[in-house]
C-alpha atoms as a PDB file:
ATOM      1  CA  MET A   1       0.014  -0.017  -0.031  1.00  0.00           C
ATOM      2  CA  THR A   2       1.386   3.440  -0.941  1.00  0.00           C
ATOM      3  CA  GLU A   3       1.116   6.581   1.117  1.00  0.00           C
ATOM      4  CA  ALA A   4      -1.387   7.883  -1.359  1.00  0.00           C
ATOM      5  CA  ASP A   5      -3.517   4.764  -0.978  1.00  0.00           C
ATOM      6  CA  ALA A   6      -3.490   5.149   2.813  1.00  0.00           C
ATOM      7  CA  ASP A   7      -4.880   8.698   2.371  1.00  0.00           C
ATOM      8  CA  ASP A   8      -7.739   7.276   0.251  1.00  0.00           C
ATOM      9  CA  THR A   9      -9.100   4.683   2.749  1.00  0.00           C
ATOM     10  CA  SER A  10     -11.937   6.956   3.798  1.00  0.00           C
ATOM     11  CA  GLU A  11     -13.486   6.865   0.320  1.00  0.00           C
ATOM     12  CA  LEU A  12     -13.602   3.491  -1.392  1.00  0.00           C
ATOM     13  CA  ALA A  13     -16.574   4.170  -3.673  1.00  0.00           C
ATOM     14  CA  GLY A  14     -15.945   3.232  -7.256  1.00  0.00           C
ATOM     15  CA  LEU A  15     -13.170   0.748  -6.525  1.00  0.00           C
ATOM     16  CA  PRO A  16     -13.346  -2.941  -7.344  1.00  0.00           C
ATOM     17  CA  ILE A  17     -13.489  -5.133  -4.250  1.00  0.00           C
ATOM     18  CA  GLU A  18      -9.988  -6.546  -4.843  1.00  0.00           C
ATOM     19  CA  ARG A  19      -8.535  -3.031  -5.004  1.00  0.00           C
ATOM     20  CA  ALA A  20     -10.446  -2.062  -1.848  1.00  0.00           C
ATOM     21  CA  VAL A  21      -9.079  -5.145  -0.091  1.00  0.00           C
ATOM     22  CA  ASP A  22      -5.566  -3.979  -0.885  1.00  0.00           C
ATOM     23  CA  ILE A  23      -6.272  -0.609   0.602  1.00  0.00           C
ATOM     24  CA  VAL A  24      -7.987  -1.600   3.882  1.00  0.00           C
ATOM     25  CA  GLY A  25      -6.012  -4.811   4.414  1.00  0.00           C
ATOM     26  CA  THR A  26      -3.294  -5.175   7.051  1.00  0.00           C
ATOM     27  CA  ALA A  27      -0.538  -7.762   7.466  1.00  0.00           C
ATOM     28  CA  ASP A  28      -2.614  -9.934   9.807  1.00  0.00           C
ATOM     29  CA  ALA A  29      -5.990  -9.468   8.110  1.00  0.00           C
ATOM     30  CA  ASP A  30      -7.788 -12.299   6.308  1.00  0.00           C
ATOM     31  CA  PRO A  31      -8.313 -11.283   2.656  1.00  0.00           C
ATOM     32  CA  GLY A  32     -11.331 -13.580   2.317  1.00  0.00           C
ATOM     33  CA  GLU A  33     -13.006 -12.036   5.256  1.00  0.00           C
ATOM     34  CA  LEU A  34     -12.230  -8.565   3.929  1.00  0.00           C
ATOM     35  CA  ARG A  35     -13.806  -9.441   0.636  1.00  0.00           C
ATOM     36  CA  GLU A  36     -16.982 -10.774   2.276  1.00  0.00           C
ATOM     37  CA  THR A  37     -17.293  -7.608   4.376  1.00  0.00           C
ATOM     38  CA  LEU A  38     -16.686  -5.167   1.495  1.00  0.00           C
ATOM     39  CA  ALA A  39     -19.184  -7.175  -0.661  1.00  0.00           C
ATOM     40  CA  ILE A  40     -21.874  -5.894   1.755  1.00  0.00           C
ATOM     41  CA  VAL A  41     -21.474  -2.379   0.290  1.00  0.00           C
ATOM     42  CA  ALA A  42     -20.681  -3.375  -3.297  1.00  0.00           C
ATOM     43  CA  GLU A  43     -22.701  -3.673  -6.501  1.00  0.00           C
ATOM     44  CA  ASP A  44     -21.479  -5.903  -9.314  1.00  0.00           C
ATOM     45  CA  GLY A  45     -18.097  -6.313  -7.562  1.00  0.00           C
ATOM     46  CA  VAL A  46     -17.571  -2.528  -7.128  1.00  0.00           C
ATOM     47  CA  VAL A  47     -17.747  -0.706  -3.829  1.00  0.00           C
ATOM     48  CA  SER A  48     -20.599   1.800  -3.880  1.00  0.00           C
ATOM     49  CA  ARG A  49     -22.199   4.149  -1.470  1.00  0.00           C
ATOM     50  CA  ALA A  50     -25.483   3.478  -3.199  1.00  0.00           C
ATOM     51  CA  ALA A  51     -25.288  -0.104  -1.956  1.00  0.00           C
ATOM     52  CA  VAL A  52     -25.374   1.013   1.635  1.00  0.00           C
ATOM     53  CA  ASP A  53     -29.137   1.622   1.527  1.00  0.00           C
ATOM     54  CA  ASP A  54     -29.822  -1.970   0.476  1.00  0.00           C
ATOM     55  CA  ALA A  55     -27.309  -3.294   3.079  1.00  0.00           C
ATOM     56  CA  LEU A  56     -29.038  -1.252   5.799  1.00  0.00           C
ATOM     57  CA  ALA A  57     -32.490  -2.417   4.727  1.00  0.00           C
ATOM     58  CA  ASN A  58     -31.384  -6.045   4.995  1.00  0.00           C
ATOM     59  CA  ALA A  59     -29.735  -5.427   8.358  1.00  0.00           C
ATOM     60  CA  SER A  60     -32.900  -3.728   9.528  1.00  0.00           C
ATOM     61  CA  MET A  61     -34.981  -6.701   8.521  1.00  0.00           C
ATOM     62  CA  VAL A  62     -32.706  -9.114  10.408  1.00  0.00           C
ATOM     63  CA  VAL A  63     -32.790  -6.927  13.524  1.00  0.00           C
ATOM     64  CA  THR A  64     -36.584  -6.576  13.326  1.00  0.00           C
ATOM     65  CA  THR A  65     -36.948 -10.372  13.015  1.00  0.00           C
ATOM     66  CA  ALA A  66     -34.767 -10.825  16.115  1.00  0.00           C
ATOM     67  CA  GLU A  67     -36.740  -8.360  18.101  1.00  0.00           C
ATOM     68  CA  THR A  68     -40.043 -10.015  17.040  1.00  0.00           C
ATOM     69  CA  ARG A  69     -38.791 -13.397  18.162  1.00  0.00           C
ATOM     70  CA  VAL A  70     -37.700 -11.938  21.486  1.00  0.00           C
ATOM     71  CA  GLU A  71     -41.230 -10.521  21.952  1.00  0.00           C
ATOM     72  CA  LEU A  72     -42.743 -13.926  21.181  1.00  0.00           C
ATOM     73  CA  ALA A  73     -40.501 -15.539  23.731  1.00  0.00           C
ATOM     74  CA  GLY A  74     -41.809 -13.017  26.326  1.00  0.00           C
ATOM     75  CA  ASP A  75     -45.377 -13.968  25.383  1.00  0.00           C
ATOM     76  CA  LYS A  76     -44.613 -17.639  25.903  1.00  0.00           C
ATOM     77  CA  LEU A  77     -43.061 -16.970  29.289  1.00  0.00           C
ATOM     78  CA  ASP A  78     -46.275 -15.086  30.322  1.00  0.00           C
ATOM     79  CA  ASN A  79     -48.262 -18.133  29.140  1.00  0.00           C
ATOM     80  CA  ALA A  80     -46.168 -20.500  31.184  1.00  0.00           C
ATOM     81  CA  ARG A  81     -46.551 -18.308  34.281  1.00  0.00           C
ATOM     82  CA  ALA A  82     -50.334 -18.452  33.809  1.00  0.00           C
ATOM     83  CA  ALA A  83     -50.440 -22.188  33.082  1.00  0.00           C
ATOM     84  CA  ALA A  84     -50.049 -23.346  36.689  1.00  0.00           C
ATOM     85  CA  PRO A  85     -50.561 -20.561  39.221  1.00  0.00           C
ATOM     86  CA  SER A  86     -51.024 -23.069  42.113  1.00  0.00           C
ATOM     87  CA  THR A  87     -47.336 -24.035  41.857  1.00  0.00           C
ATOM     88  CA  ALA A  88     -45.951 -20.589  42.833  1.00  0.00           C
ATOM     89  CA  ASP A  89     -44.800 -21.890  46.176  1.00  0.00           C
ATOM     90  CA  LEU A  90     -43.086 -24.959  44.712  1.00  0.00           C
ATOM     91  CA  ALA A  91     -39.473 -23.883  44.498  1.00  0.00           C
ATOM     92  CA  PHE A  92     -38.559 -26.420  41.757  1.00  0.00           C
ATOM     93  CA  VAL A  93     -41.220 -24.834  39.536  1.00  0.00           C
ATOM     94  CA  SER A  94     -40.922 -21.128  40.441  1.00  0.00           C
ATOM     95  CA  ASP A  95     -37.156 -21.262  40.190  1.00  0.00           C
ATOM     96  CA  ARG A  96     -37.438 -22.628  36.692  1.00  0.00           C
ATOM     97  CA  VAL A  97     -39.724 -19.728  35.819  1.00  0.00           C
ATOM     98  CA  ASP A  98     -37.144 -17.316  37.352  1.00  0.00           C
ATOM     99  CA  ASN A  99     -34.389 -18.907  35.356  1.00  0.00           C
ATOM    100  CA  PHE A 100     -36.346 -18.440  32.188  1.00  0.00           C
ATOM    101  CA  ASP A 101     -37.105 -14.819  33.154  1.00  0.00           C
ATOM    102  CA  THR A 102     -33.385 -14.121  33.649  1.00  0.00           C
ATOM    103  CA  ARG A 103     -32.514 -15.621  30.318  1.00  0.00           C
ATOM    104  CA  LEU A 104     -35.207 -13.582  28.645  1.00  0.00           C
ATOM    105  CA  GLY A 105     -33.929 -10.449  30.291  1.00  0.00           C
ATOM    106  CA  HIS A 106     -30.416 -11.068  28.929  1.00  0.00           C
ATOM    107  CA  ILE A 107     -31.829 -11.661  25.461  1.00  0.00           C
ATOM    108  CA  GLU A 108     -33.957  -8.531  25.591  1.00  0.00           C
ATOM    109  CA  THR A 109     -30.913  -6.469  26.550  1.00  0.00           C
ATOM    110  CA  ARG A 110     -29.001  -7.784  23.535  1.00  0.00           C
ATOM    111  CA  ALA A 111     -32.070  -7.026  21.348  1.00  0.00           C
ATOM    112  CA  ASP A 112     -32.128  -3.404  22.678  1.00  0.00           C
ATOM    113  CA  ASP A 113     -28.413  -3.102  21.775  1.00  0.00           C
ATOM    114  CA  LEU A 114     -29.202  -4.115  18.201  1.00  0.00           C
ATOM    115  CA  GLY A 115     -31.483  -1.168  17.739  1.00  0.00           C
ATOM    116  CA  ALA A 116     -28.929   1.316  19.026  1.00  0.00           C
ATOM    117  CA  ALA A 117     -26.218  -0.234  16.819  1.00  0.00           C
ATOM    118  CA  LEU A 118     -28.403  -0.002  13.752  1.00  0.00           C
ATOM    119  CA  GLN A 119     -29.060   3.651  14.296  1.00  0.00           C
ATOM    120  CA  GLU A 120     -25.333   4.305  14.628  1.00  0.00           C
ATOM    121  CA  VAL A 121     -24.749   2.779  11.187  1.00  0.00           C
ATOM    122  CA  VAL A 122     -27.691   4.705   9.695  1.00  0.00           C
ATOM    123  CA  SER A 123     -26.085   7.970  10.928  1.00  0.00           C
ATOM    124  CA  MET A 124     -22.921   7.045   9.022  1.00  0.00           C
ATOM    125  CA  LYS A 125     -24.443   6.133   5.637  1.00  0.00           C
ATOM    126  CA  ALA A 126     -24.160   9.546   3.946  1.00  0.00           C
ATOM    127  CA  ASP A 127     -20.427  10.213   4.453  1.00  0.00           C
ATOM    128  CA  GLY A 128     -19.008   7.512   6.784  1.00  0.00           C
ATOM    129  CA  ASP A 129     -16.107   5.283   5.857  1.00  0.00           C
ATOM    130  CA  LEU A 130     -17.529   2.569   3.611  1.00  0.00           C
ATOM    131  CA  TYR A 131     -15.397  -0.238   5.020  1.00  0.00           C
ATOM    132  CA  GLU A 132     -16.332   0.699   8.579  1.00  0.00           C
ATOM    133  CA  ILE A 133     -19.985   0.797   7.555  1.00  0.00           C
ATOM    134  CA  ALA A 134     -19.708  -2.671   6.051  1.00  0.00           C
ATOM    135  CA  ARG A 135     -17.834  -4.005   9.046  1.00  0.00           C
ATOM    136  CA  ARG A 136     -20.532  -2.700  11.453  1.00  0.00           C
ATOM    137  CA  ILE A 137     -23.396  -4.062   9.288  1.00  0.00           C
ATOM    138  CA  ARG A 138     -21.788  -7.493   9.228  1.00  0.00           C
ATOM    139  CA  ARG A 139     -21.230  -7.509  12.972  1.00  0.00           C
ATOM    140  CA  LEU A 140     -24.783  -6.285  13.517  1.00  0.00           C
ATOM    141  CA  THR A 141     -26.418  -8.939  11.337  1.00  0.00           C
ATOM    142  CA  ASN A 142     -24.302 -11.644  13.048  1.00  0.00           C
ATOM    143  CA  ALA A 143     -25.380 -10.403  16.467  1.00  0.00           C
ATOM    144  CA  ALA A 144     -29.029 -10.186  15.399  1.00  0.00           C
ATOM    145  CA  THR A 145     -28.879 -13.732  14.028  1.00  0.00           C
ATOM    146  CA  GLU A 146     -27.486 -14.928  17.387  1.00  0.00           C
ATOM    147  CA  VAL A 147     -30.202 -13.094  19.327  1.00  0.00           C
ATOM    148  CA  GLN A 148     -32.880 -14.606  17.086  1.00  0.00           C
ATOM    149  CA  GLN A 149     -31.411 -18.114  17.691  1.00  0.00           C
ATOM    150  CA  ALA A 150     -31.311 -17.570  21.432  1.00  0.00           C
ATOM    151  CA  ALA A 151     -34.944 -16.336  21.418  1.00  0.00           C
ATOM    152  CA  ASP A 152     -36.048 -19.293  19.230  1.00  0.00           C
ATOM    153  CA  ASP A 153     -34.291 -21.760  21.584  1.00  0.00           C
ATOM    154  CA  LEU A 154     -36.009 -20.162  24.567  1.00  0.00           C
ATOM    155  CA  GLN A 155     -39.399 -20.424  22.850  1.00  0.00           C
ATOM    156  CA  LEU A 156     -38.944 -24.106  22.246  1.00  0.00           C
ATOM    157  CA  GLU A 157     -37.958 -24.700  25.879  1.00  0.00           C
ATOM    158  CA  LEU A 158     -40.929 -22.654  27.096  1.00  0.00           C
ATOM    159  CA  ASP A 159     -43.257 -24.708  24.903  1.00  0.00           C
ATOM    160  CA  SER A 160     -41.941 -27.855  26.487  1.00  0.00           C
ATOM    161  CA  PHE A 161     -42.125 -26.330  29.944  1.00  0.00           C
ATOM    162  CA  GLU A 162     -45.689 -25.265  29.496  1.00  0.00           C
ATOM    163  CA  ALA A 163     -46.664 -28.809  28.350  1.00  0.00           C
ATOM    164  CA  TRP A 164     -44.823 -30.167  31.438  1.00  0.00           C
ATOM    165  CA  LEU A 165     -46.747 -27.757  33.658  1.00  0.00           C
ATOM    166  CA  THR A 166     -50.212 -28.811  32.338  1.00  0.00           C
ATOM    167  CA  ASP A 167     -49.783 -32.557  31.922  1.00  0.00           C
ATOM    168  CA  ALA A 168     -49.186 -34.732  35.042  1.00  0.00           C
ATOM    169  CA  ASP A 169     -48.487 -37.846  33.001  1.00  0.00           C
ATOM    170  CA  ARG A 170     -45.916 -36.033  30.952  1.00  0.00           C
ATOM    171  CA  ARG A 171     -44.155 -34.913  34.157  1.00  0.00           C
ATOM    172  CA  VAL A 172     -43.829 -38.501  35.321  1.00  0.00           C
ATOM    173  CA  ASP A 173     -42.849 -39.803  31.873  1.00  0.00           C
ATOM    174  CA  GLU A 174     -40.097 -37.233  31.529  1.00  0.00           C
ATOM    175  CA  LEU A 175     -38.758 -37.829  35.013  1.00  0.00           C
ATOM    176  CA  THR A 176     -38.717 -41.592  34.336  1.00  0.00           C
ATOM    177  CA  ALA A 177     -36.803 -41.049  31.059  1.00  0.00           C
ATOM    178  CA  ASP A 178     -34.258 -38.810  32.855  1.00  0.00           C
ATOM    179  CA  ILE A 179     -33.757 -41.514  35.479  1.00  0.00           C
ATOM    180  CA  ASP A 180     -33.290 -44.111  32.811  1.00  0.00           C
ATOM    181  CA  ALA A 181     -30.665 -41.908  31.130  1.00  0.00           C
ATOM    182  CA  LEU A 182     -28.936 -41.449  34.523  1.00  0.00           C
ATOM    183  CA  ALA A 183     -28.826 -45.223  35.045  1.00  0.00           C
ATOM    184  CA  ASP A 184     -27.294 -45.665  31.627  1.00  0.00           C
ATOM    185  CA  SER A 185     -24.616 -43.043  32.341  1.00  0.00           C
ATOM    186  CA  LEU A 186     -23.752 -44.712  35.649  1.00  0.00           C
ATOM    187  CA  SER A 187     -23.378 -48.030  33.838  1.00  0.00           C
ATOM    188  CA  GLU A 188     -21.014 -46.475  31.302  1.00  0.00           C
ATOM    189  CA  LEU A 189     -19.059 -44.845  34.164  1.00  0.00           C
ATOM    190  CA  SER A 190     -18.827 -48.210  35.941  1.00  0.00           C
ATOM    191  CA  ASP A 191     -17.217 -49.721  32.742  1.00  0.00           C
ATOM    192  CA  VAL A 192     -14.615 -46.942  32.882  1.00  0.00           C
ATOM    193  CA  VAL A 193     -13.865 -47.641  36.528  1.00  0.00           C
ATOM    194  CA  ASP A 194     -13.533 -51.362  35.730  1.00  0.00           C
ATOM    195  CA  GLN A 195     -10.933 -50.512  33.067  1.00  0.00           C
ATOM    196  CA  LEU A 196      -9.028 -48.296  35.511  1.00  0.00           C
ATOM    197  CA  GLU A 197      -9.002 -50.962  38.165  1.00  0.00           C
ATOM    198  CA  ASN A 198      -7.882 -53.646  35.704  1.00  0.00           C
ATOM    199  CA  SER A 199      -5.140 -51.389  34.335  1.00  0.00           C
ATOM    200  CA  ASP A 200      -3.888 -50.737  37.830  1.00  0.00           C
ATOM    201  CA  ALA A 201      -3.802 -54.449  38.589  1.00  0.00           C
ATOM    202  CA  GLY A 202      -1.840 -55.112  35.372  1.00  0.00           C
ATOM    203  CA  ASP A 203       0.723 -52.506  36.278  1.00  0.00           C
ATOM    204  CA  ALA A 204       1.152 -54.030  39.750  1.00  0.00           C
ATOM    205  CA  ASP A 205       1.829 -57.499  38.225  1.00  0.00           C
ATOM    206  CA  ASP A 206       4.390 -56.192  35.690  1.00  0.00           C
ATOM    207  CA  ASN A 207       7.593 -56.332  37.789  1.00  0.00           C
ATOM    208  CA  GLY A 208       9.981 -58.031  35.310  1.00  0.00           C
ATOM    209  CA  ASP A 209      12.323 -56.636  32.699  1.00  0.00           C
ATOM    210  CA  ASP A 210      10.125 -55.109  29.974  1.00  0.00           C
ATOM    211  CA  SER A 211      11.728 -54.883  26.620  1.00  0.00           C
ATOM    212  CA  GLU A 212       8.966 -52.402  25.497  1.00  0.00           C
ATOM    213  CA  ASP A 213       9.854 -49.811  28.146  1.00  0.00           C
ATOM    214  CA  ALA A 214      10.763 -47.337  25.368  1.00  0.00           C
ATOM    215  CA  ASP A 215       7.350 -47.729  23.746  1.00  0.00           C
ATOM    216  CA  ASP A 216       5.565 -47.424  27.132  1.00  0.00           C
ATOM    217  CA  ALA A 217       7.481 -44.204  27.790  1.00  0.00           C
ATOM    218  CA  GLU A 218       6.542 -42.850  24.463  1.00  0.00           C
ATOM    219  CA  ASN A 219       2.853 -43.777  24.728  1.00  0.00           C
ATOM    220  CA  ASP A 220       2.787 -42.921  28.451  1.00  0.00           C
ATOM    221  CA  PRO A 221      -0.049 -45.264  29.494  1.00  0.00           C
ATOM    222  CA  GLU A 222       0.114 -44.044  33.091  1.00  0.00           C
ATOM    223  CA  SER A 223      -0.536 -40.479  31.978  1.00  0.00           C
ATOM    224  CA  GLU A 224      -3.472 -41.747  29.832  1.00  0.00           C
ATOM    225  CA  ALA A 225      -4.943 -43.649  32.844  1.00  0.00           C
ATOM    226  CA  ALA A 226      -4.569 -40.517  34.942  1.00  0.00           C
ATOM    227  CA  SER A 227      -6.469 -38.457  32.472  1.00  0.00           C
ATOM    228  CA  ARG A 228      -9.247 -40.990  32.127  1.00  0.00           C
ATOM    229  CA  TRP A 229      -9.524 -41.092  35.907  1.00  0.00           C
ATOM    230  CA  ALA A 230      -9.813 -37.281  36.061  1.00  0.00           C
ATOM    231  CA  ALA A 231     -12.443 -37.273  33.380  1.00  0.00           C
ATOM    232  CA  ALA A 232     -14.353 -39.939  35.251  1.00  0.00           C
ATOM    233  CA  MET A 233     -14.216 -37.851  38.437  1.00  0.00           C
ATOM    234  CA  VAL A 234     -15.767 -34.927  36.597  1.00  0.00           C
ATOM    235  CA  ARG A 235     -18.489 -37.110  35.191  1.00  0.00           C
ATOM    236  CA  HIS A 236     -19.160 -38.653  38.555  1.00  0.00           C
ATOM    237  CA  ARG A 237     -19.550 -35.167  40.102  1.00  0.00           C
ATOM    238  CA  VAL A 238     -21.974 -34.000  37.361  1.00  0.00           C
ATOM    239  CA  LEU A 239     -24.053 -37.154  37.803  1.00  0.00           C
ATOM    240  CA  SER A 240     -24.237 -36.330  41.502  1.00  0.00           C
ATOM    241  CA  LEU A 241     -25.705 -32.991  40.560  1.00  0.00           C
ATOM    242  CA  LEU A 242     -28.270 -34.692  38.286  1.00  0.00           C
ATOM    243  CA  LEU A 243     -29.293 -37.039  41.082  1.00  0.00           C
ATOM    244  CA  THR A 244     -29.906 -34.025  43.408  1.00  0.00           C
ATOM    245  CA  ASP A 245     -31.909 -32.349  40.642  1.00  0.00           C
ATOM    246  CA  LEU A 246     -34.029 -35.485  40.015  1.00  0.00           C
ATOM    247  CA  HIS A 247     -34.713 -35.900  43.779  1.00  0.00           C
ATOM    248  CA  ALA A 248     -35.939 -32.279  43.918  1.00  0.00           C
ATOM    249  CA  GLU A 249     -38.108 -32.780  40.854  1.00  0.00           C
ATOM    250  CA  LEU A 250     -39.668 -35.938  42.293  1.00  0.00           C
ATOM    251  CA  ALA A 251     -40.467 -34.107  45.590  1.00  0.00           C
ATOM    252  CA  ALA A 252     -42.196 -31.328  43.630  1.00  0.00           C
ATOM    253  CA  ILE A 253     -44.155 -33.795  41.469  1.00  0.00           C
ATOM    254  CA  GLN A 254     -45.328 -35.712  44.569  1.00  0.00           C
ATOM    255  CA  THR A 255     -46.551 -32.495  46.288  1.00  0.00           C
ATOM    256  CA  TRP A 256     -48.187 -31.455  43.066  1.00  0.00           C
ATOM    257  CA  ALA A 257     -49.995 -34.813  42.676  1.00  0.00           C
ATOM    258  CA  GLU A 258     -51.414 -34.495  46.210  1.00  0.00           C
ATOM    259  CA  ARG A 259     -52.802 -31.031  45.410  1.00  0.00           C
ATOM    260  CA  GLU A 260     -54.432 -32.137  42.135  1.00  0.00           C
ATOM    261  CA  THR A 261     -55.648 -35.370  43.791  1.00  0.00           C
ATOM    262  CA  VAL A 262     -54.028 -37.484  41.142  1.00  0.00           C
ATOM    263  CA  THR A 263     -52.066 -40.669  41.690  1.00  0.00           C
ATOM    264  CA  SER A 264     -48.571 -39.964  42.996  1.00  0.00           C
ATOM    265  CA  PRO A 265     -45.839 -41.645  40.952  1.00  0.00           C
ATOM    266  CA  SER A 266     -44.818 -44.974  42.515  1.00  0.00           C
ATOM    267  CA  GLY A 267     -41.610 -46.939  42.218  1.00  0.00           C
ATOM    268  CA  ILE A 268     -39.552 -43.887  41.293  1.00  0.00           C
ATOM    269  CA  GLU A 269     -38.232 -42.974  44.736  1.00  0.00           C
ATOM    270  CA  PRO A 270     -36.955 -46.528  45.514  1.00  0.00           C
ATOM    271  CA  ARG A 271     -35.226 -46.625  42.086  1.00  0.00           C
ATOM    272  CA  LEU A 272     -33.572 -43.199  42.693  1.00  0.00           C
ATOM    273  CA  ASP A 273     -32.357 -44.453  46.084  1.00  0.00           C
ATOM    274  CA  GLU A 274     -30.841 -47.539  44.428  1.00  0.00           C
ATOM    275  CA  ILE A 275     -29.119 -45.335  41.816  1.00  0.00           C
ATOM    276  CA  GLN A 276     -27.844 -43.133  44.597  1.00  0.00           C
ATOM    277  CA  GLU A 277     -26.219 -46.192  46.241  1.00  0.00           C
ATOM    278  CA  SER A 278     -24.642 -47.159  43.023  1.00  0.00           C
ATOM    279  CA  HIS A 279     -23.317 -43.655  42.481  1.00  0.00           C
ATOM    280  CA  THR A 280     -21.810 -43.583  45.975  1.00  0.00           C
ATOM    281  CA  ALA A 281     -20.122 -46.999  45.453  1.00  0.00           C
ATOM    282  CA  LEU A 282     -18.671 -45.827  42.127  1.00  0.00           C
ATOM    283  CA  GLY A 283     -17.234 -42.706  43.913  1.00  0.00           C
ATOM    284  CA  GLU A 284     -15.544 -44.929  46.473  1.00  0.00           C
ATOM    285  CA  ARG A 285     -14.073 -47.129  43.703  1.00  0.00           C
ATOM    286  CA  LEU A 286     -12.808 -44.084  41.868  1.00  0.00           C
ATOM    287  CA  THR A 287     -11.116 -42.785  44.998  1.00  0.00           C
ATOM    288  CA  ALA A 288      -9.605 -46.206  45.766  1.00  0.00           C
ATOM    289  CA  CYS A 289      -8.073 -46.742  42.320  1.00  0.00           C
ATOM    290  CA  ALA A 290      -6.373 -43.375  42.030  1.00  0.00           C
ATOM    291  CA  ALA A 291      -2.616 -43.327  42.309  1.00  0.00           C
ATOM    292  CA  PRO A 292      -1.298 -40.609  44.636  1.00  0.00           C
ATOM    293  CA  GLU A 293       0.321 -38.808  41.692  1.00  0.00           C
ATOM    294  CA  TRP A 294      -3.025 -38.645  39.913  1.00  0.00           C
ATOM    295  CA  ARG A 295      -4.542 -36.859  42.856  1.00  0.00           C
ATOM    296  CA  ALA A 296      -1.600 -34.476  43.075  1.00  0.00           C
ATOM    297  CA  ARG A 297      -1.721 -33.721  39.370  1.00  0.00           C
ATOM    298  CA  PHE A 298      -5.480 -32.931  39.215  1.00  0.00           C
ATOM    299  CA  ASP A 299      -6.296 -31.920  42.755  1.00  0.00           C
ATOM    300  CA  GLU A 300      -6.350 -28.150  42.145  1.00  0.00           C
ATOM    301  CA  GLN A 301      -8.620 -28.394  39.088  1.00  0.00           C
ATOM    302  CA  LEU A 302     -10.975 -30.878  40.631  1.00  0.00           C
ATOM    303  CA  THR A 303     -11.224 -28.755  43.751  1.00  0.00           C
ATOM    304  CA  ALA A 304     -12.058 -25.708  41.710  1.00  0.00           C
ATOM    305  CA  LEU A 305     -14.741 -27.662  39.816  1.00  0.00           C
ATOM    306  CA  GLU A 306     -16.173 -28.949  43.050  1.00  0.00           C
ATOM    307  CA  GLU A 307     -16.445 -25.402  44.533  1.00  0.00           C
ATOM    308  CA  ALA A 308     -18.161 -24.110  41.432  1.00  0.00           C
ATOM    309  CA  LEU A 309     -20.652 -27.008  41.192  1.00  0.00           C
ATOM    310  CA  THR A 310     -21.500 -26.736  44.905  1.00  0.00           C
ATOM    311  CA  GLU A 311     -23.137 -23.429  44.159  1.00  0.00           C
ATOM    312  CA  MET A 312     -25.538 -25.118  41.714  1.00  0.00           C
ATOM    313  CA  GLU A 313     -28.929 -25.868  43.203  1.00  0.00           C
ATOM    314  CA  PRO A 314     -32.107 -27.443  41.808  1.00  0.00           C
ATOM    315  CA  PRO A 315     -33.554 -26.800  39.380  1.00  0.00           C
ATOM    316  CA  VAL A 316     -30.180 -27.003  37.816  1.00  0.00           C
ATOM    317  CA  VAL A 317     -29.512 -24.890  34.716  1.00  0.00           C
ATOM    318  CA  TRP A 318     -27.486 -27.329  32.652  1.00  0.00           C
ATOM    319  CA  ALA A 319     -26.097 -24.738  30.257  1.00  0.00           C
ATOM    320  CA  ASP A 320     -24.471 -23.218  33.324  1.00  0.00           C
ATOM    321  CA  VAL A 321     -23.106 -26.552  34.458  1.00  0.00           C
ATOM    322  CA  ASP A 322     -21.642 -27.144  30.913  1.00  0.00           C
ATOM    323  CA  ALA A 323     -19.938 -23.751  31.104  1.00  0.00           C
ATOM    324  CA  VAL A 324     -18.483 -24.450  34.520  1.00  0.00           C
ATOM    325  CA  VAL A 325     -17.203 -27.884  33.482  1.00  0.00           C
ATOM    326  CA  ALA A 326     -15.630 -26.455  30.355  1.00  0.00           C
ATOM    327  CA  GLU A 327     -13.914 -23.820  32.466  1.00  0.00           C
ATOM    328  CA  HIS A 328     -12.572 -26.124  35.135  1.00  0.00           C
ATOM    329  CA  ARG A 329     -12.245 -29.420  33.314  1.00  0.00           C
ATOM    330  CA  PRO A 330      -8.818 -30.922  34.156  1.00  0.00           C
ATOM    331  CA  ALA A 331      -6.349 -30.126  31.444  1.00  0.00           C
ATOM    332  CA  VAL A 332      -4.596 -33.086  29.856  1.00  0.00           C
ATOM    333  CA  GLU A 333      -0.897 -32.341  29.506  1.00  0.00           C
END
């Protein structure tokens, strides 16, 4: 780029996109991304101020769609609140409503920001830098699409929640399905613990001269076992949280059934107690099979995870759990 080119970056109108890319590009910029951005304010491959109006009209439509979806999500939340007023004192239910309300509030704030950002770009259209206008429009449409997706996801969850609120059989069926899934997860975790215990036994029996020591060092099976153990510990802790959540849900459903004078679910509580015993036994086996160096290697990360998950209470917001696990998951070196 020449010094003269640098002076011309404020006015790109009339330049082919490739030429404009040369002017606005920097050493670390992605040319492909620059082309896609400049194409927003281009007509027939030429950057044009006249193209800004169409680009803004499209951005405005995307923003309006996002705002509409957020409003619909708010309506669905109101419907859910009205669906079961008698459950206001059931914490498991009212807390779920509060969680939805918090999520909606965050989405509404993001939607409000979209409108302000759109007006900023509109104020630039007459004489603003064309590349900056294109960059802001692209960022705005991406943000609006994300808001729309978040609002759509919330609507789907609220539809399911309202159906759960109004159908006693559905509540029992969904709880039973979640318990089945928990039992399957515990079975899979048990298989992992079996493998860790068998691996440990094999290492203890191997006291002779091993001609494959070099290969073992290269593959580092001990480090692999340690990593699998740490991952199993994380999974065991998350399943503990699921157990707590399901116990709380069962208690709410039982109280609810009494109020509605419908049959309270039977056989679920004994099964949950049985799963709880299996979970506790698995935790003891995991603790017993861990080598001291495994504990030393992952203690800080597992402790941080434990502290973060301890703050989670029913009804658990599983997206928050996923974020906490992703943040504190023991790193494999």
